[in-house]
Amino acid sequence: MRKILTQWRSIMDKLDELEAELEVAGNRVPTEFMCQLLIAGEDRRFYYHPGVDPIALLRAFWRTYYCRSREGGSTIAMQLVRTISARYEVSWGRKIREIILALMVTSRIDRSRIPILYLWCAYYGTGMDSLTQAYDTLMLSPGNISRIEQAKLIARLKYPQPKRRCNIKDHFIQVRTKHLRQLTKRKRFGVRILRYGTISNTR
């Protein structure tokens, strides 16, 4: 428990740092459409669970251990915790801590901030350890980025771009991009972007 509390304090400090960066980021912050794409593709019950999706976890467990088909069950909050804590080891201990911390994060900050914070610090590929680096590496203009380019960015969360261009990976990104856009057309996910405010002044 002590380790979890220590990690929790570290995570909250990091989240405050990310919020401070977002305050001065101008138009480089994640867009509402990016958040919609993320929720549609990664966590479609985002607004209905407390930071952990039991249905997704059970499905992932079943398919991984009984169907021999690996599938993730992480929510956006869990992915945010994993990214800012930089803990990627494959172990039950890490997964349990990640679940507990994701519940704590979701109960502490405004839910609408979670996709924004994750997209801000997520890994998009080689040399792209944040959204700002992804913009620069891919030579995208944040103030004039098309919906297709936004979808391609979110697709890279599942298929990070390698150091050297790869036709197979490019194909996966294209297929994922098309899939994400189809998902958002089926159902609109409302995401209220809070450009300002810190962890301390949210609920």
Protein backbone atom coordinates (compact mmCIF):
# COMPACT_ATOMS: atom_id res chain seq x y z
CA MET A 1 0.00 0.00 0.00
CA ARG A 2 2.86 2.34 0.78
CA LYS A 3 4.27 1.84 -2.73
CA ILE A 4 0.91 2.70 -4.25
CA LEU A 5 0.63 5.89 -2.20
CA THR A 6 4.15 6.90 -3.18
CA GLN A 7 3.39 6.27 -6.83
CA TRP A 8 0.09 8.12 -6.47
CA ARG A 9 1.84 11.27 -5.24
CA SER A 10 4.29 11.02 -8.11
CA ILE A 11 1.46 10.65 -10.62
CA MET A 12 -0.41 13.66 -9.25
CA ASP A 13 2.75 15.77 -9.45
CA LYS A 14 3.22 14.67 -13.07
CA LEU A 15 -0.40 15.43 -13.92
CA ASP A 16 0.03 18.95 -12.52
CA GLU A 17 3.09 19.35 -14.74
CA LEU A 18 1.13 18.22 -17.79
CA GLU A 19 -1.71 20.63 -16.98
CA ALA A 20 0.81 23.48 -16.69
CA GLU A 21 2.17 22.56 -20.13
CA LEU A 22 -1.33 22.49 -21.62
CA GLU A 23 -2.09 25.96 -20.25
CA VAL A 24 0.59 27.51 -22.45
CA ALA A 25 0.30 25.12 -25.41
CA GLY A 26 -2.08 27.30 -27.43
CA ASN A 27 -3.57 25.45 -30.40
CA ARG A 28 -1.22 22.48 -29.94
CA VAL A 29 -3.54 20.85 -27.39
CA PRO A 30 -5.46 17.69 -28.39
CA THR A 31 -8.61 18.52 -30.32
CA GLU A 32 -12.13 17.46 -29.45
CA PHE A 33 -12.16 15.17 -32.49
CA MET A 34 -8.95 13.46 -31.35
CA CYS A 35 -10.60 12.77 -28.00
CA GLN A 36 -13.68 11.38 -29.76
CA LEU A 37 -11.48 9.10 -31.87
CA LEU A 38 -9.57 7.91 -28.81
CA ILE A 39 -12.71 7.10 -26.84
CA ALA A 40 -14.38 5.39 -29.80
CA GLY A 41 -11.36 3.22 -30.52
CA GLU A 42 -9.93 2.51 -27.09
CA ASP A 43 -12.57 2.94 -24.40
CA ARG A 44 -16.13 3.13 -25.71
CA ARG A 45 -17.63 2.83 -22.20
CA PHE A 46 -15.44 5.72 -21.04
CA TYR A 47 -18.34 7.68 -19.51
CA TYR A 48 -19.90 4.68 -17.78
CA HIS A 49 -17.10 3.13 -15.71
CA PRO A 50 -15.03 4.46 -12.77
CA GLY A 51 -11.69 4.35 -14.58
CA VAL A 52 -11.59 0.58 -15.00
CA ASP A 53 -13.87 -1.38 -17.33
CA PRO A 54 -14.65 -4.81 -15.79
CA ILE A 55 -16.28 -6.01 -19.02
CA ALA A 56 -13.19 -5.19 -21.09
CA LEU A 57 -10.86 -6.75 -18.52
CA LEU A 58 -12.85 -9.99 -18.36
CA ARG A 59 -13.04 -10.18 -22.15
CA ALA A 60 -9.29 -9.59 -22.44
CA PHE A 61 -8.58 -12.26 -19.81
CA TRP A 62 -10.84 -14.78 -21.55
CA ARG A 63 -9.41 -14.23 -25.02
CA THR A 64 -5.81 -14.15 -23.82
CA TYR A 65 -5.85 -17.26 -21.65
CA TYR A 66 -8.57 -19.38 -23.22
CA CYS A 67 -8.72 -18.30 -26.85
CA ARG A 68 -4.96 -17.69 -27.15
CA SER A 69 -5.73 -14.36 -28.80
CA ARG A 70 -4.04 -11.46 -27.05
CA GLU A 71 -6.31 -8.50 -26.37
CA GLY A 72 -5.91 -5.46 -24.13
CA GLY A 73 -8.53 -4.39 -21.63
CA SER A 74 -6.98 -1.12 -20.49
CA THR A 75 -9.06 2.03 -20.24
CA ILE A 76 -7.73 5.46 -21.16
CA ALA A 77 -7.16 6.17 -17.46
CA MET A 78 -5.10 2.99 -17.15
CA GLN A 79 -3.07 3.91 -20.22
CA LEU A 80 -2.48 7.37 -18.78
CA VAL A 81 -1.22 5.87 -15.51
CA ARG A 82 1.05 3.46 -17.40
CA THR A 83 2.49 6.23 -19.55
CA ILE A 84 3.31 8.75 -16.82
CA SER A 85 4.57 6.09 -14.40
CA ALA A 86 6.68 4.47 -17.16
CA ARG A 87 5.85 1.00 -15.83
CA TYR A 88 5.51 -1.51 -18.65
CA GLU A 89 6.64 -4.79 -17.11
CA VAL A 90 4.33 -7.73 -17.66
CA SER A 91 3.22 -8.78 -14.18
CA TRP A 92 0.06 -9.10 -12.13
CA GLY A 93 1.49 -6.71 -9.55
CA ARG A 94 1.91 -3.94 -12.09
CA LYS A 95 -1.58 -4.53 -13.50
CA ILE A 96 -3.22 -4.41 -10.07
CA ARG A 97 -1.39 -1.19 -9.15
CA GLU A 98 -2.41 0.27 -12.50
CA ILE A 99 -6.07 -0.57 -11.85
CA ILE A 100 -6.02 0.99 -8.36
CA LEU A 101 -4.26 4.14 -9.57
CA ALA A 102 -6.62 4.51 -12.54
CA LEU A 103 -9.59 4.42 -10.15
CA MET A 104 -7.92 7.06 -7.99
CA VAL A 105 -7.11 9.31 -10.95
CA THR A 106 -10.67 9.10 -12.31
CA SER A 107 -12.13 9.99 -8.92
CA ARG A 108 -9.75 12.91 -8.45
CA ILE A 109 -9.75 14.84 -11.74
CA ASP A 110 -12.41 15.93 -14.19
CA ARG A 111 -13.17 12.98 -16.43
CA SER A 112 -13.02 15.10 -19.58
CA ARG A 113 -9.37 15.90 -18.86
CA ILE A 114 -8.24 12.25 -18.99
CA PRO A 115 -8.23 11.81 -22.81
CA ILE A 116 -6.55 15.20 -23.22
CA LEU A 117 -3.82 14.44 -20.70
CA TYR A 118 -3.18 11.02 -22.22
CA LEU A 119 -2.99 12.31 -25.80
CA TRP A 120 -0.64 15.07 -24.67
CA CYS A 121 1.99 12.66 -23.30
CA ALA A 122 1.30 9.47 -25.30
CA TYR A 123 3.80 7.62 -27.49
CA TYR A 124 3.13 7.93 -31.22
CA GLY A 125 6.31 6.34 -32.56
CA THR A 126 10.06 6.84 -32.81
CA GLY A 127 10.94 10.40 -31.82
CA MET A 128 7.31 11.09 -30.91
CA ASP A 129 7.02 10.75 -27.13
CA SER A 130 4.32 13.42 -26.93
CA LEU A 131 1.77 15.14 -29.12
CA THR A 132 4.05 18.13 -29.61
CA GLN A 133 6.85 15.89 -30.86
CA ALA A 134 4.38 14.09 -33.14
CA TYR A 135 3.29 17.41 -34.67
CA ASP A 136 6.91 18.39 -35.27
CA THR A 137 8.11 15.02 -36.58
CA LEU A 138 5.17 14.61 -38.95
CA MET A 139 5.32 18.31 -39.91
CA LEU A 140 1.67 18.90 -39.06
CA SER A 141 0.13 22.32 -38.45
CA PRO A 142 -1.95 22.10 -35.23
CA GLY A 143 -4.13 25.02 -36.25
CA ASN A 144 -4.93 23.54 -39.63
CA ILE A 145 -4.89 19.77 -39.18
CA SER A 146 -7.46 17.74 -41.14
CA ARG A 147 -9.68 15.09 -39.60
CA ILE A 148 -7.85 12.41 -41.56
CA GLU A 149 -4.50 13.52 -40.12
CA GLN A 150 -6.02 13.58 -36.64
CA ALA A 151 -7.27 10.03 -37.14
CA LYS A 152 -3.82 8.96 -38.36
CA LEU A 153 -2.30 10.38 -35.18
CA ILE A 154 -4.68 8.38 -32.98
CA ALA A 155 -4.07 5.27 -35.10
CA ARG A 156 -0.38 5.53 -34.21
CA LEU A 157 -1.22 4.89 -30.57
CA LYS A 158 -2.02 1.32 -31.55
CA TYR A 159 0.60 1.09 -34.28
CA PRO A 160 3.49 3.43 -33.35
CA GLN A 161 5.49 4.61 -36.32
CA PRO A 162 8.91 2.89 -36.47
CA LYS A 163 12.22 4.66 -37.07
CA ARG A 164 12.26 3.47 -40.67
CA ARG A 165 9.14 3.62 -42.78
CA CYS A 166 7.56 0.19 -43.16
CA ASN A 167 4.89 -0.62 -45.74
CA ILE A 168 3.22 -3.13 -43.43
CA LYS A 169 3.04 -0.68 -40.52
CA ASP A 170 1.83 2.07 -42.86
CA HIS A 171 -0.93 -0.28 -44.01
CA PHE A 172 -1.95 -1.01 -40.41
CA ILE A 173 -2.10 2.73 -39.68
CA GLN A 174 -4.26 3.33 -42.74
CA VAL A 175 -6.66 0.50 -41.82
CA ARG A 176 -6.84 1.71 -38.21
CA THR A 177 -7.48 5.27 -39.40
CA LYS A 178 -10.42 4.15 -41.52
CA HIS A 179 -11.80 2.05 -38.67
CA LEU A 180 -11.63 4.95 -36.20
CA ARG A 181 -13.41 7.32 -38.56
CA GLN A 182 -16.18 4.77 -39.13
CA LEU A 183 -16.64 4.38 -35.37
CA THR A 184 -17.08 8.10 -34.80
CA LYS A 185 -19.64 8.28 -37.60
CA ARG A 186 -21.75 5.60 -35.94
CA LYS A 187 -21.93 7.38 -32.60
CA ARG A 188 -20.83 10.81 -31.46
CA PHE A 189 -18.94 11.00 -28.21
CA GLY A 190 -19.24 14.39 -26.53
CA VAL A 191 -15.96 15.54 -25.00
CA ARG A 192 -15.78 18.94 -23.36
CA ILE A 193 -12.25 20.27 -23.71
CA LEU A 194 -11.09 22.23 -20.67
CA ARG A 195 -8.13 24.19 -21.99
CA TYR A 196 -7.26 25.71 -18.66
CA GLY A 197 -7.44 24.76 -15.00
CA THR A 198 -5.24 22.47 -12.96
CA ILE A 199 -5.70 19.18 -11.17
CA SER A 200 -6.16 21.04 -7.92
CA ASN A 201 -9.19 23.04 -9.09
CA THR A 202 -11.10 20.20 -10.71
CA ARG A 203 -13.39 17.94 -8.81
